[in-house]
């Protein structure tokens, strides 16, 4: 279904290491956010009937050493971007009508790339 909505230009696509917000406006061309090719990445979603924020994060920035601190710092910076957008659009996320979700890869019982 993602490719159908994407091909019809109904989705604002979120690439790796991006964070985007959308306000659901009746009659708007783009009606949602989407991402693809997660592989070992993490997707973080905050959604309500009136808006959504989607982040697609790699375990660490490209061309960096495979050290846990680098990955932790990278994810924290991306989550800070999510929080900034959430605060900017707080009116679209009432406590009683909003949901958050984190999707990540588990391989052989552990986080696929913990760093």
PDB file of N, CA and C in Angstrom:
ATOM      1  N   UNK A   1       0.808  -1.187   0.000  1.00  0.00           N
ATOM      2  CA  UNK A   1       0.000   0.000   0.000  1.00  0.00           C
ATOM      3  C   UNK A   1       0.861   1.265   0.000  1.00  0.00           C
ATOM      4  N   UNK A   2       2.051   1.195   0.616  1.00  0.00           N
ATOM      5  CA  UNK A   2       2.926   2.368   0.648  1.00  0.00           C
ATOM      6  C   UNK A   2       3.222   2.853  -0.765  1.00  0.00           C
ATOM      7  N   UNK A   3       3.593   1.925  -1.644  1.00  0.00           N
ATOM      8  CA  UNK A   3       3.953   2.350  -3.004  1.00  0.00           C
ATOM      9  C   UNK A   3       2.767   2.952  -3.749  1.00  0.00           C
ATOM     10  N   UNK A   4       1.547   2.491  -3.473  1.00  0.00           N
ATOM     11  CA  UNK A   4       0.365   3.057  -4.135  1.00  0.00           C
ATOM     12  C   UNK A   4       0.165   4.511  -3.693  1.00  0.00           C
ATOM     13  N   UNK A   5       0.220   4.738  -2.375  1.00  0.00           N
ATOM     14  CA  UNK A   5       0.057   6.102  -1.849  1.00  0.00           C
ATOM     15  C   UNK A   5       1.211   6.997  -2.291  1.00  0.00           C
ATOM     16  N   UNK A   6       2.415   6.445  -2.298  1.00  0.00           N
ATOM     17  CA  UNK A   6       3.590   7.218  -2.733  1.00  0.00           C
ATOM     18  C   UNK A   6       3.472   7.599  -4.201  1.00  0.00           C
ATOM     19  N   UNK A   7       3.100   6.630  -5.045  1.00  0.00           N
ATOM     20  CA  UNK A   7       2.963   6.901  -6.480  1.00  0.00           C
ATOM     21  C   UNK A   7       1.849   7.906  -6.765  1.00  0.00           C
ATOM     22  N   UNK A   8       0.829   7.933  -5.925  1.00  0.00           N
ATOM     23  CA  UNK A   8      -0.281   8.875  -6.119  1.00  0.00           C
ATOM     24  C   UNK A   8       0.007  10.227  -5.469  1.00  0.00           C
ATOM     25  N   UNK A   9       1.224  10.399  -4.950  1.00  0.00           N
ATOM     26  CA  UNK A   9       1.639  11.643  -4.293  1.00  0.00           C
ATOM     27  C   UNK A   9       0.747  11.977  -3.090  1.00  0.00           C
ATOM     28  N   UNK A  10       0.312  10.931  -2.383  1.00  0.00           N
ATOM     29  CA  UNK A  10      -0.533  11.120  -1.199  1.00  0.00           C
ATOM     30  C   UNK A  10       0.296  11.202   0.079  1.00  0.00           C
ATOM     31  N   UNK A  11       1.581  10.856   0.000  1.00  0.00           N
ATOM     32  CA  UNK A  11       2.443  10.829   1.174  1.00  0.00           C
ATOM     33  C   UNK A  11       3.592  11.803   1.060  1.00  0.00           C
ATOM     34  N   UNK A  12       3.946  12.385   2.179  1.00  0.00           N
ATOM     35  CA  UNK A  12       5.212  13.115   2.319  1.00  0.00           C
ATOM     36  C   UNK A  12       6.206  12.062   2.794  1.00  0.00           C
ATOM     37  N   UNK A  13       7.210  11.757   1.980  1.00  0.00           N
ATOM     38  CA  UNK A  13       8.164  10.701   2.334  1.00  0.00           C
ATOM     39  C   UNK A  13       9.257  11.255   3.252  1.00  0.00           C
ATOM     40  N   UNK A  14       9.643  10.427   4.216  1.00  0.00           N
ATOM     41  CA  UNK A  14      10.669  10.769   5.190  1.00  0.00           C
ATOM     42  C   UNK A  14      11.863   9.859   4.921  1.00  0.00           C
ATOM     43  N   UNK A  15      12.961  10.444   4.491  1.00  0.00           N
ATOM     44  CA  UNK A  15      14.176   9.687   4.185  1.00  0.00           C
ATOM     45  C   UNK A  15      14.966   9.409   5.461  1.00  0.00           C
ATOM     46  N   UNK A  16      15.989   8.581   5.338  1.00  0.00           N
ATOM     47  CA  UNK A  16      16.835   8.258   6.484  1.00  0.00           C
ATOM     48  C   UNK A  16      17.428   9.532   7.092  1.00  0.00           C
ATOM     49  N   UNK A  17      17.358   9.596   8.398  1.00  0.00           N
ATOM     50  CA  UNK A  17      17.865  10.698   9.221  1.00  0.00           C
ATOM     51  C   UNK A  17      17.093  11.997   9.028  1.00  0.00           C
ATOM     52  N   UNK A  18      15.843  11.863   8.614  1.00  0.00           N
ATOM     53  CA  UNK A  18      14.952  13.011   8.527  1.00  0.00           C
ATOM     54  C   UNK A  18      13.833  12.892   9.561  1.00  0.00           C
ATOM     55  N   UNK A  19      13.283  14.035   9.910  1.00  0.00           N
ATOM     56  CA  UNK A  19      12.107  14.127  10.767  1.00  0.00           C
ATOM     57  C   UNK A  19      11.152  15.096  10.079  1.00  0.00           C
ATOM     58  N   UNK A  20       9.885  14.692   9.931  1.00  0.00           N
ATOM     59  CA  UNK A  20       8.910  15.572   9.283  1.00  0.00           C
ATOM     60  C   UNK A  20       7.600  15.573  10.059  1.00  0.00           C
ATOM     61  N   UNK A  21       6.892  16.684   9.906  1.00  0.00           N
ATOM     62  CA  UNK A  21       5.574  16.894  10.517  1.00  0.00           C
ATOM     63  C   UNK A  21       4.559  17.144   9.408  1.00  0.00           C
ATOM     64  N   UNK A  22       3.348  16.687   9.622  1.00  0.00           N
ATOM     65  CA  UNK A  22       2.258  17.010   8.712  1.00  0.00           C
ATOM     66  C   UNK A  22       1.008  17.307   9.532  1.00  0.00           C
ATOM     67  N   UNK A  23       0.291  18.330   9.093  1.00  0.00           N
ATOM     68  CA  UNK A  23      -1.032  18.624   9.654  1.00  0.00           C
ATOM     69  C   UNK A  23      -2.040  18.038   8.680  1.00  0.00           C
ATOM     70  N   UNK A  24      -2.971  17.256   9.192  1.00  0.00           N
ATOM     71  CA  UNK A  24      -3.969  16.638   8.329  1.00  0.00           C
ATOM     72  C   UNK A  24      -5.043  17.663   7.977  1.00  0.00           C
ATOM     73  N   UNK A  25      -4.985  18.133   6.759  1.00  0.00           N
ATOM     74  CA  UNK A  25      -5.921  19.130   6.265  1.00  0.00           C
ATOM     75  C   UNK A  25      -6.889  18.457   5.302  1.00  0.00           C
ATOM     76  N   UNK A  26      -8.201  18.536   5.583  1.00  0.00           N
ATOM     77  CA  UNK A  26      -9.167  17.924   4.659  1.00  0.00           C
ATOM     78  C   UNK A  26      -8.987  18.466   3.240  1.00  0.00           C
ATOM     79  N   UNK A  27      -8.962  17.547   2.281  1.00  0.00           N
ATOM     80  CA  UNK A  27      -8.826  17.934   0.883  1.00  0.00           C
ATOM     81  C   UNK A  27      -7.396  18.143   0.415  1.00  0.00           C
ATOM     82  N   UNK A  28      -6.418  18.059   1.314  1.00  0.00           N
ATOM     83  CA  UNK A  28      -5.013  18.256   0.927  1.00  0.00           C
ATOM     84  C   UNK A  28      -4.548  17.095   0.044  1.00  0.00           C
ATOM     85  N   UNK A  29      -3.603  17.378  -0.832  1.00  0.00           N
ATOM     86  CA  UNK A  29      -3.054  16.337  -1.695  1.00  0.00           C
ATOM     87  C   UNK A  29      -2.323  15.294  -0.861  1.00  0.00           C
ATOM     88  N   UNK A  30      -1.410  15.739  -0.028  1.00  0.00           N
ATOM     89  CA  UNK A  30      -0.659  14.804   0.806  1.00  0.00           C
ATOM     90  C   UNK A  30      -1.415  14.579   2.108  1.00  0.00           C
ATOM     91  N   UNK A  31      -1.662  13.309   2.383  1.00  0.00           N
ATOM     92  CA  UNK A  31      -2.533  12.947   3.495  1.00  0.00           C
ATOM     93  C   UNK A  31      -1.825  12.165   4.588  1.00  0.00           C
ATOM     94  N   UNK A  32      -0.515  12.043   4.518  1.00  0.00           N
ATOM     95  CA  UNK A  32       0.198  11.294   5.538  1.00  0.00           C
ATOM     96  C   UNK A  32       1.691  11.341   5.325  1.00  0.00           C
ATOM     97  N   UNK A  33       2.393  10.674   6.221  1.00  0.00           N
ATOM     98  CA  UNK A  33       3.848  10.544   6.160  1.00  0.00           C
ATOM     99  C   UNK A  33       4.183   9.080   5.941  1.00  0.00           C
ATOM    100  N   UNK A  34       5.263   8.829   5.237  1.00  0.00           N
ATOM    101  CA  UNK A  34       5.696   7.454   5.016  1.00  0.00           C
ATOM    102  C   UNK A  34       7.201   7.366   4.964  1.00  0.00           C
ATOM    103  N   UNK A  35       7.703   6.169   5.198  1.00  0.00           N
ATOM    104  CA  UNK A  35       9.136   5.918   5.075  1.00  0.00           C
ATOM    105  C   UNK A  35       9.317   4.497   4.576  1.00  0.00           C
ATOM    106  N   UNK A  36      10.491   4.198   4.101  1.00  0.00           N
ATOM    107  CA  UNK A  36      10.777   2.871   3.566  1.00  0.00           C
ATOM    108  C   UNK A  36      12.249   2.546   3.771  1.00  0.00           C
ATOM    109  N   UNK A  37      12.590   1.303   3.509  1.00  0.00           N
ATOM    110  CA  UNK A  37      13.972   0.824   3.594  1.00  0.00           C
ATOM    111  C   UNK A  37      14.550   1.062   4.989  1.00  0.00           C
ATOM    112  N   UNK A  38      13.829   0.610   6.020  1.00  0.00           N
ATOM    113  CA  UNK A  38      14.330   0.803   7.381  1.00  0.00           C
ATOM    114  C   UNK A  38      15.591  -0.002   7.652  1.00  0.00           C
ATOM    115  N   UNK A  39      15.677  -1.216   7.103  1.00  0.00           N
ATOM    116  CA  UNK A  39      16.835  -2.078   7.355  1.00  0.00           C
ATOM    117  C   UNK A  39      17.157  -2.091   8.842  1.00  0.00           C
ATOM    118  N   UNK A  40      18.264  -1.547   9.282  1.00  0.00           N
ATOM    119  CA  UNK A  40      18.612  -1.549  10.710  1.00  0.00           C
ATOM    120  C   UNK A  40      18.248  -0.240  11.396  1.00  0.00           C
ATOM    121  N   UNK A  41      17.475   0.601  10.733  1.00  0.00           N
ATOM    122  CA  UNK A  41      17.097   1.912  11.271  1.00  0.00           C
ATOM    123  C   UNK A  41      15.933   1.807  12.252  1.00  0.00           C
ATOM    124  N   UNK A  42      15.648   2.916  12.881  1.00  0.00           N
ATOM    125  CA  UNK A  42      14.529   3.038  13.804  1.00  0.00           C
ATOM    126  C   UNK A  42      13.552   4.065  13.239  1.00  0.00           C
ATOM    127  N   UNK A  43      12.267   3.774  13.353  1.00  0.00           N
ATOM    128  CA  UNK A  43      11.230   4.739  12.983  1.00  0.00           C
ATOM    129  C   UNK A  43      10.494   5.135  14.254  1.00  0.00           C
ATOM    130  N   UNK A  44      10.268   6.424  14.419  1.00  0.00           N
ATOM    131  CA  UNK A  44       9.536   6.947  15.571  1.00  0.00           C
ATOM    132  C   UNK A  44       8.364   7.753  15.040  1.00  0.00           C
ATOM    133  N   UNK A  45       7.175   7.441  15.563  1.00  0.00           N
ATOM    134  CA  UNK A  45       5.955   8.070  15.076  1.00  0.00           C
ATOM    135  C   UNK A  45       5.167   8.627  16.258  1.00  0.00           C
ATOM    136  N   UNK A  46       4.683   9.846  16.103  1.00  0.00           N
ATOM    137  CA  UNK A  46       3.707  10.427  17.024  1.00  0.00           C
ATOM    138  C   UNK A  46       2.551  10.851  16.135  1.00  0.00           C
ATOM    139  N   UNK A  47       1.347  10.385  16.457  1.00  0.00           N
ATOM    140  CA  UNK A  47       0.215  10.670  15.579  1.00  0.00           C
ATOM    141  C   UNK A  47      -1.055  10.935  16.374  1.00  0.00           C
ATOM    142  N   UNK A  48      -1.918  11.735  15.788  1.00  0.00           N
ATOM    143  CA  UNK A  48      -3.238  12.017  16.327  1.00  0.00           C
ATOM    144  C   UNK A  48      -4.168  12.183  15.127  1.00  0.00           C
ATOM    145  N   UNK A  49      -5.442  12.381  15.358  1.00  0.00           N
ATOM    146  CA  UNK A  49      -6.346  12.604  14.223  1.00  0.00           C
ATOM    147  C   UNK A  49      -6.052  13.891  13.428  1.00  0.00           C
ATOM    148  N   UNK A  50      -5.279  14.821  14.006  1.00  0.00           N
ATOM    149  CA  UNK A  50      -5.038  16.094  13.324  1.00  0.00           C
ATOM    150  C   UNK A  50      -3.611  16.306  12.832  1.00  0.00           C
ATOM    151  N   UNK A  51      -2.658  15.471  13.227  1.00  0.00           N
ATOM    152  CA  UNK A  51      -1.285  15.660  12.774  1.00  0.00           C
ATOM    153  C   UNK A  51      -0.409  14.466  13.080  1.00  0.00           C
ATOM    154  N   UNK A  52       0.780  14.466  12.510  1.00  0.00           N
ATOM    155  CA  UNK A  52       1.732  13.380  12.750  1.00  0.00           C
ATOM    156  C   UNK A  52       3.155  13.875  12.583  1.00  0.00           C
ATOM    157  N   UNK A  53       4.053  13.214  13.304  1.00  0.00           N
ATOM    158  CA  UNK A  53       5.496  13.427  13.167  1.00  0.00           C
ATOM    159  C   UNK A  53       6.106  12.051  12.940  1.00  0.00           C
ATOM    160  N   UNK A  54       6.985  11.951  11.959  1.00  0.00           N
ATOM    161  CA  UNK A  54       7.662  10.689  11.667  1.00  0.00           C
ATOM    162  C   UNK A  54       9.151  10.954  11.544  1.00  0.00           C
ATOM    163  N   UNK A  55       9.937  10.149  12.242  1.00  0.00           N
ATOM    164  CA  UNK A  55      11.387  10.201  12.138  1.00  0.00           C
ATOM    165  C   UNK A  55      11.919   8.853  11.679  1.00  0.00           C
ATOM    166  N   UNK A  56      12.929   8.860  10.836  1.00  0.00           N
ATOM    167  CA  UNK A  56      13.597   7.649  10.329  1.00  0.00           C
ATOM    168  C   UNK A  56      15.082   7.826  10.640  1.00  0.00           C
ATOM    169  N   UNK A  57      15.589   7.035  11.586  1.00  0.00           N
ATOM    170  CA  UNK A  57      16.946   7.255  12.104  1.00  0.00           C
ATOM    171  C   UNK A  57      17.841   6.045  11.892  1.00  0.00           C
ATOM    172  N   UNK A  58      19.024   6.301  11.343  1.00  0.00           N
ATOM    173  CA  UNK A  58      20.037   5.248  11.253  1.00  0.00           C
ATOM    174  C   UNK A  58      20.653   5.044  12.639  1.00  0.00           C
ATOM    175  N   UNK A  59      21.285   3.883  12.874  1.00  0.00           N
ATOM    176  CA  UNK A  59      21.880   3.639  14.196  1.00  0.00           C
ATOM    177  C   UNK A  59      22.965   4.652  14.563  1.00  0.00           C
ATOM    178  N   UNK A  60      23.631   5.189  13.552  1.00  0.00           N
ATOM    179  CA  UNK A  60      24.654   6.230  13.763  1.00  0.00           C
ATOM    180  C   UNK A  60      24.812   6.984  12.456  1.00  0.00           C
ATOM    181  N   UNK A  61      25.394   8.173  12.499  1.00  0.00           N
ATOM    182  CA  UNK A  61      25.588   8.925  11.247  1.00  0.00           C
ATOM    183  C   UNK A  61      26.495   8.168  10.282  1.00  0.00           C
ATOM    184  N   UNK A  62      26.319   8.442   9.002  1.00  0.00           N
ATOM    185  CA  UNK A  62      27.163   7.801   7.996  1.00  0.00           C
ATOM    186  C   UNK A  62      28.623   8.181   8.195  1.00  0.00           C
ATOM    187  N   UNK A  63      29.513   7.252   7.859  1.00  0.00           N
ATOM    188  CA  UNK A  63      30.960   7.472   7.895  1.00  0.00           C
ATOM    189  C   UNK A  63      31.474   7.866   9.277  1.00  0.00           C
ATOM    190  N   UNK A  64      30.949   7.216  10.310  1.00  0.00           N
ATOM    191  CA  UNK A  64      31.428   7.452  11.677  1.00  0.00           C
ATOM    192  C   UNK A  64      31.859   6.133  12.286  1.00  0.00           C
ATOM    193  N   UNK A  65      32.700   6.179  13.316  1.00  0.00           N
ATOM    194  CA  UNK A  65      33.144   4.932  13.949  1.00  0.00           C
ATOM    195  C   UNK A  65      31.982   4.208  14.627  1.00  0.00           C
ATOM    196  N   UNK A  66      32.097   2.891  14.714  1.00  0.00           N
ATOM    197  CA  UNK A  66      31.046   2.063  15.326  1.00  0.00           C
ATOM    198  C   UNK A  66      31.190   2.056  16.845  1.00  0.00           C
ATOM    199  N   UNK A  67      31.096   3.211  17.437  1.00  0.00           N
ATOM    200  CA  UNK A  67      31.184   3.343  18.896  1.00  0.00           C
ATOM    201  C   UNK A  67      29.798   3.664  19.439  1.00  0.00           C
ATOM    202  N   UNK A  68      29.484   3.061  20.586  1.00  0.00           N
ATOM    203  CA  UNK A  68      28.158   3.261  21.172  1.00  0.00           C
ATOM    204  C   UNK A  68      27.864   4.738  21.413  1.00  0.00           C
ATOM    205  N   UNK A  69      28.842   5.506  21.871  1.00  0.00           N
ATOM    206  CA  UNK A  69      28.608   6.919  22.175  1.00  0.00           C
ATOM    207  C   UNK A  69      28.195   7.701  20.935  1.00  0.00           C
ATOM    208  N   UNK A  70      28.765   7.370  19.784  1.00  0.00           N
ATOM    209  CA  UNK A  70      28.419   8.060  18.534  1.00  0.00           C
ATOM    210  C   UNK A  70      26.959   7.787  18.189  1.00  0.00           C
ATOM    211  N   UNK A  71      26.550   6.532  18.281  1.00  0.00           N
ATOM    212  CA  UNK A  71      25.165   6.171  17.997  1.00  0.00           C
ATOM    213  C   UNK A  71      24.198   6.801  18.984  1.00  0.00           C
ATOM    214  N   UNK A  72      24.547   6.763  20.265  1.00  0.00           N
ATOM    215  CA  UNK A  72      23.686   7.351  21.294  1.00  0.00           C
ATOM    216  C   UNK A  72      23.502   8.852  21.065  1.00  0.00           C
ATOM    217  N   UNK A  73      24.583   9.548  20.761  1.00  0.00           N
ATOM    218  CA  UNK A  73      24.523  10.986  20.519  1.00  0.00           C
ATOM    219  C   UNK A  73      23.673  11.295  19.289  1.00  0.00           C
ATOM    220  N   UNK A  74      23.833  10.481  18.264  1.00  0.00           N
ATOM    221  CA  UNK A  74      23.060  10.653  17.024  1.00  0.00           C
ATOM    222  C   UNK A  74      21.557  10.493  17.287  1.00  0.00           C
ATOM    223  N   UNK A  75      21.186   9.423  17.950  1.00  0.00           N
ATOM    224  CA  UNK A  75      19.763   9.177  18.229  1.00  0.00           C
ATOM    225  C   UNK A  75      19.201  10.267  19.135  1.00  0.00           C
ATOM    226  N   UNK A  76      19.965  10.703  20.127  1.00  0.00           N
ATOM    227  CA  UNK A  76      19.495  11.770  21.013  1.00  0.00           C
ATOM    228  C   UNK A  76      19.231  13.053  20.219  1.00  0.00           C
ATOM    229  N   UNK A  77      20.117  13.383  19.287  1.00  0.00           N
ATOM    230  CA  UNK A  77      19.931  14.587  18.468  1.00  0.00           C
ATOM    231  C   UNK A  77      18.668  14.468  17.609  1.00  0.00           C
ATOM    232  N   UNK A  78      18.420  13.288  17.063  1.00  0.00           N
ATOM    233  CA  UNK A  78      17.223  13.087  16.246  1.00  0.00           C
ATOM    234  C   UNK A  78      15.958  13.157  17.101  1.00  0.00           C
ATOM    235  N   UNK A  79      16.012  12.590  18.301  1.00  0.00           N
ATOM    236  CA  UNK A  79      14.850  12.668  19.189  1.00  0.00           C
ATOM    237  C   UNK A  79      14.618  14.110  19.636  1.00  0.00           C
ATOM    238  N   UNK A  80      15.678  14.886  19.774  1.00  0.00           N
ATOM    239  CA  UNK A  80      15.534  16.312  20.079  1.00  0.00           C
ATOM    240  C   UNK A  80      14.797  17.029  18.943  1.00  0.00           C
ATOM    241  N   UNK A  81      15.092  16.654  17.692  1.00  0.00           N
ATOM    242  CA  UNK A  81      14.365  17.221  16.551  1.00  0.00           C
ATOM    243  C   UNK A  81      12.876  16.861  16.633  1.00  0.00           C
ATOM    244  N   UNK A  82      12.591  15.613  16.990  1.00  0.00           N
ATOM    245  CA  UNK A  82      11.188  15.190  17.145  1.00  0.00           C
ATOM    246  C   UNK A  82      10.502  16.020  18.228  1.00  0.00           C
ATOM    247  N   UNK A  83      11.187  16.192  19.356  1.00  0.00           N
ATOM    248  CA  UNK A  83      10.606  16.950  20.468  1.00  0.00           C
ATOM    249  C   UNK A  83      10.353  18.403  20.072  1.00  0.00           C
ATOM    250  N   UNK A  84      11.275  18.992  19.325  1.00  0.00           N
ATOM    251  CA  UNK A  84      11.096  20.374  18.871  1.00  0.00           C
ATOM    252  C   UNK A  84       9.843  20.494  18.006  1.00  0.00           C
ATOM    253  N   UNK A  85       9.677  19.582  17.051  1.00  0.00           N
ATOM    254  CA  UNK A  85       8.477  19.615  16.203  1.00  0.00           C
ATOM    255  C   UNK A  85       7.211  19.379  17.028  1.00  0.00           C
ATOM    256  N   UNK A  86       7.291  18.455  17.983  1.00  0.00           N
ATOM    257  CA  UNK A  86       6.144  18.179  18.849  1.00  0.00           C
ATOM    258  C   UNK A  86       5.738  19.443  19.608  1.00  0.00           C
ATOM    259  N   UNK A  87       6.703  20.133  20.171  1.00  0.00           N
ATOM    260  CA  UNK A  87       6.403  21.356  20.922  1.00  0.00           C
ATOM    261  C   UNK A  87       5.860  22.459  20.010  1.00  0.00           C
ATOM    262  N   UNK A  88       6.398  22.564  18.789  1.00  0.00           N
ATOM    263  CA  UNK A  88       5.931  23.580  17.850  1.00  0.00           C
ATOM    264  C   UNK A  88       4.480  23.353  17.429  1.00  0.00           C
ATOM    265  N   UNK A  89       4.056  22.093  17.449  1.00  0.00           N
ATOM    266  CA  UNK A  89       2.716  21.732  16.970  1.00  0.00           C
ATOM    267  C   UNK A  89       1.904  21.025  18.057  1.00  0.00           C
ATOM    268  N   UNK A  90       2.142  21.375  19.295  1.00  0.00           N
ATOM    269  CA  UNK A  90       1.518  20.706  20.432  1.00  0.00           C
ATOM    270  C   UNK A  90      -0.012  20.698  20.334  1.00  0.00           C
ATOM    271  N   UNK A  91      -0.578  21.730  19.702  1.00  0.00           N
ATOM    272  CA  UNK A  91      -2.037  21.806  19.577  1.00  0.00           C
ATOM    273  C   UNK A  91      -2.600  20.631  18.770  1.00  0.00           C
ATOM    274  N   UNK A  92      -1.781  19.992  17.932  1.00  0.00           N
ATOM    275  CA  UNK A  92      -2.244  18.849  17.131  1.00  0.00           C
ATOM    276  C   UNK A  92      -2.128  17.513  17.863  1.00  0.00           C
ATOM    277  N   UNK A  93      -1.629  17.536  19.095  1.00  0.00           N
ATOM    278  CA  UNK A  93      -1.387  16.280  19.811  1.00  0.00           C
ATOM    279  C   UNK A  93      -2.008  16.289  21.206  1.00  0.00           C
ATOM    280  N   UNK A  94      -3.339  16.313  21.290  1.00  0.00           N
ATOM    281  CA  UNK A  94      -3.972  16.283  22.609  1.00  0.00           C
ATOM    282  C   UNK A  94      -3.674  14.957  23.318  1.00  0.00           C
ATOM    283  N   UNK A  95      -3.475  15.012  24.612  1.00  0.00           N
ATOM    284  CA  UNK A  95      -3.080  13.830  25.390  1.00  0.00           C
ATOM    285  C   UNK A  95      -4.025  12.654  25.222  1.00  0.00           C
ATOM    286  N   UNK A  96      -5.298  12.926  25.129  1.00  0.00           N
ATOM    287  CA  UNK A  96      -6.272  11.838  25.075  1.00  0.00           C
ATOM    288  C   UNK A  96      -6.511  11.290  23.665  1.00  0.00           C
ATOM    289  N   UNK A  97      -5.854  11.866  22.641  1.00  0.00           N
ATOM    290  CA  UNK A  97      -6.092  11.418  21.268  1.00  0.00           C
ATOM    291  C   UNK A  97      -4.804  11.241  20.474  1.00  0.00           C
ATOM    292  N   UNK A  98      -3.678  11.069  21.142  1.00  0.00           N
ATOM    293  CA  UNK A  98      -2.393  10.930  20.454  1.00  0.00           C
ATOM    294  C   UNK A  98      -1.752   9.599  20.812  1.00  0.00           C
ATOM    295  N   UNK A  99      -0.954   9.090  19.889  1.00  0.00           N
ATOM    296  CA  UNK A  99      -0.272   7.818  20.075  1.00  0.00           C
ATOM    297  C   UNK A  99       1.177   7.960  19.634  1.00  0.00           C
ATOM    298  N   UNK A 100       2.070   7.291  20.338  1.00  0.00           N
ATOM    299  CA  UNK A 100       3.467   7.239  19.936  1.00  0.00           C
ATOM    300  C   UNK A 100       3.864   5.805  19.663  1.00  0.00           C
ATOM    301  N   UNK A 101       4.796   5.588  18.748  1.00  0.00           N
ATOM    302  CA  UNK A 101       5.241   4.255  18.376  1.00  0.00           C
ATOM    303  C   UNK A 101       6.706   4.320  17.972  1.00  0.00           C
ATOM    304  N   UNK A 102       7.465   3.327  18.409  1.00  0.00           N
ATOM    305  CA  UNK A 102       8.860   3.187  17.988  1.00  0.00           C
ATOM    306  C   UNK A 102       9.000   1.810  17.356  1.00  0.00           C
ATOM    307  N   UNK A 103       9.535   1.752  16.146  1.00  0.00           N
ATOM    308  CA  UNK A 103       9.761   0.485  15.455  1.00  0.00           C
ATOM    309  C   UNK A 103      11.266   0.308  15.257  1.00  0.00           C
ATOM    310  N   UNK A 104      11.773  -0.855  15.636  1.00  0.00           N
ATOM    311  CA  UNK A 104      13.195  -1.141  15.465  1.00  0.00           C
ATOM    312  C   UNK A 104      13.375  -2.618  15.192  1.00  0.00           C
ATOM    313  N   UNK A 105      14.560  -3.008  14.774  1.00  0.00           N
ATOM    314  CA  UNK A 105      14.834  -4.373  14.359  1.00  0.00           C
ATOM    315  C   UNK A 105      15.367  -5.215  15.511  1.00  0.00           C
ATOM    316  N   UNK A 106      14.799  -6.415  15.659  1.00  0.00           N
ATOM    317  CA  UNK A 106      15.305  -7.406  16.599  1.00  0.00           C
ATOM    318  C   UNK A 106      15.844  -8.577  15.772  1.00  0.00           C
ATOM    319  N   UNK A 107      17.072  -8.975  16.074  1.00  0.00           N
ATOM    320  CA  UNK A 107      17.693 -10.088  15.368  1.00  0.00           C
ATOM    321  C   UNK A 107      18.277 -11.032  16.390  1.00  0.00           C
ATOM    322  N   UNK A 108      17.838 -12.270  16.379  1.00  0.00           N
ATOM    323  CA  UNK A 108      18.285 -13.294  17.331  1.00  0.00           C
ATOM    324  C   UNK A 108      18.109 -12.824  18.770  1.00  0.00           C
ATOM    325  N   UNK A 109      16.973 -12.207  19.032  1.00  0.00           N
ATOM    326  CA  UNK A 109      16.622 -11.831  20.398  1.00  0.00           C
ATOM    327  C   UNK A 109      17.245 -10.555  20.922  1.00  0.00           C
ATOM    328  N   UNK A 110      17.926  -9.804  20.074  1.00  0.00           N
ATOM    329  CA  UNK A 110      18.572  -8.555  20.523  1.00  0.00           C
ATOM    330  C   UNK A 110      18.346  -7.463  19.485  1.00  0.00           C
ATOM    331  N   UNK A 111      18.527  -6.209  19.917  1.00  0.00           N
ATOM    332  CA  UNK A 111      18.448  -5.099  18.965  1.00  0.00           C
ATOM    333  C   UNK A 111      19.503  -5.345  17.897  1.00  0.00           C
ATOM    334  N   UNK A 112      19.097  -5.217  16.631  1.00  0.00           N
ATOM    335  CA  UNK A 112      19.963  -5.606  15.512  1.00  0.00           C
ATOM    336  C   UNK A 112      21.318  -4.896  15.542  1.00  0.00           C
ATOM    337  N   UNK A 113      21.311  -3.597  15.679  1.00  0.00           N
ATOM    338  CA  UNK A 113      22.555  -2.834  15.736  1.00  0.00           C
ATOM    339  C   UNK A 113      22.470  -1.908  16.947  1.00  0.00           C
ATOM    340  N   UNK A 114      22.799  -2.390  18.147  1.00  0.00           N
ATOM    341  CA  UNK A 114      22.602  -1.594  19.346  1.00  0.00           C
ATOM    342  C   UNK A 114      23.387  -0.303  19.388  1.00  0.00           C
ATOM    343  N   UNK A 115      24.451  -0.205  18.617  1.00  0.00           N
ATOM    344  CA  UNK A 115      25.235   1.036  18.649  1.00  0.00           C
ATOM    345  C   UNK A 115      24.572   2.074  17.799  1.00  0.00           C
TER     346      UNK A 115
END
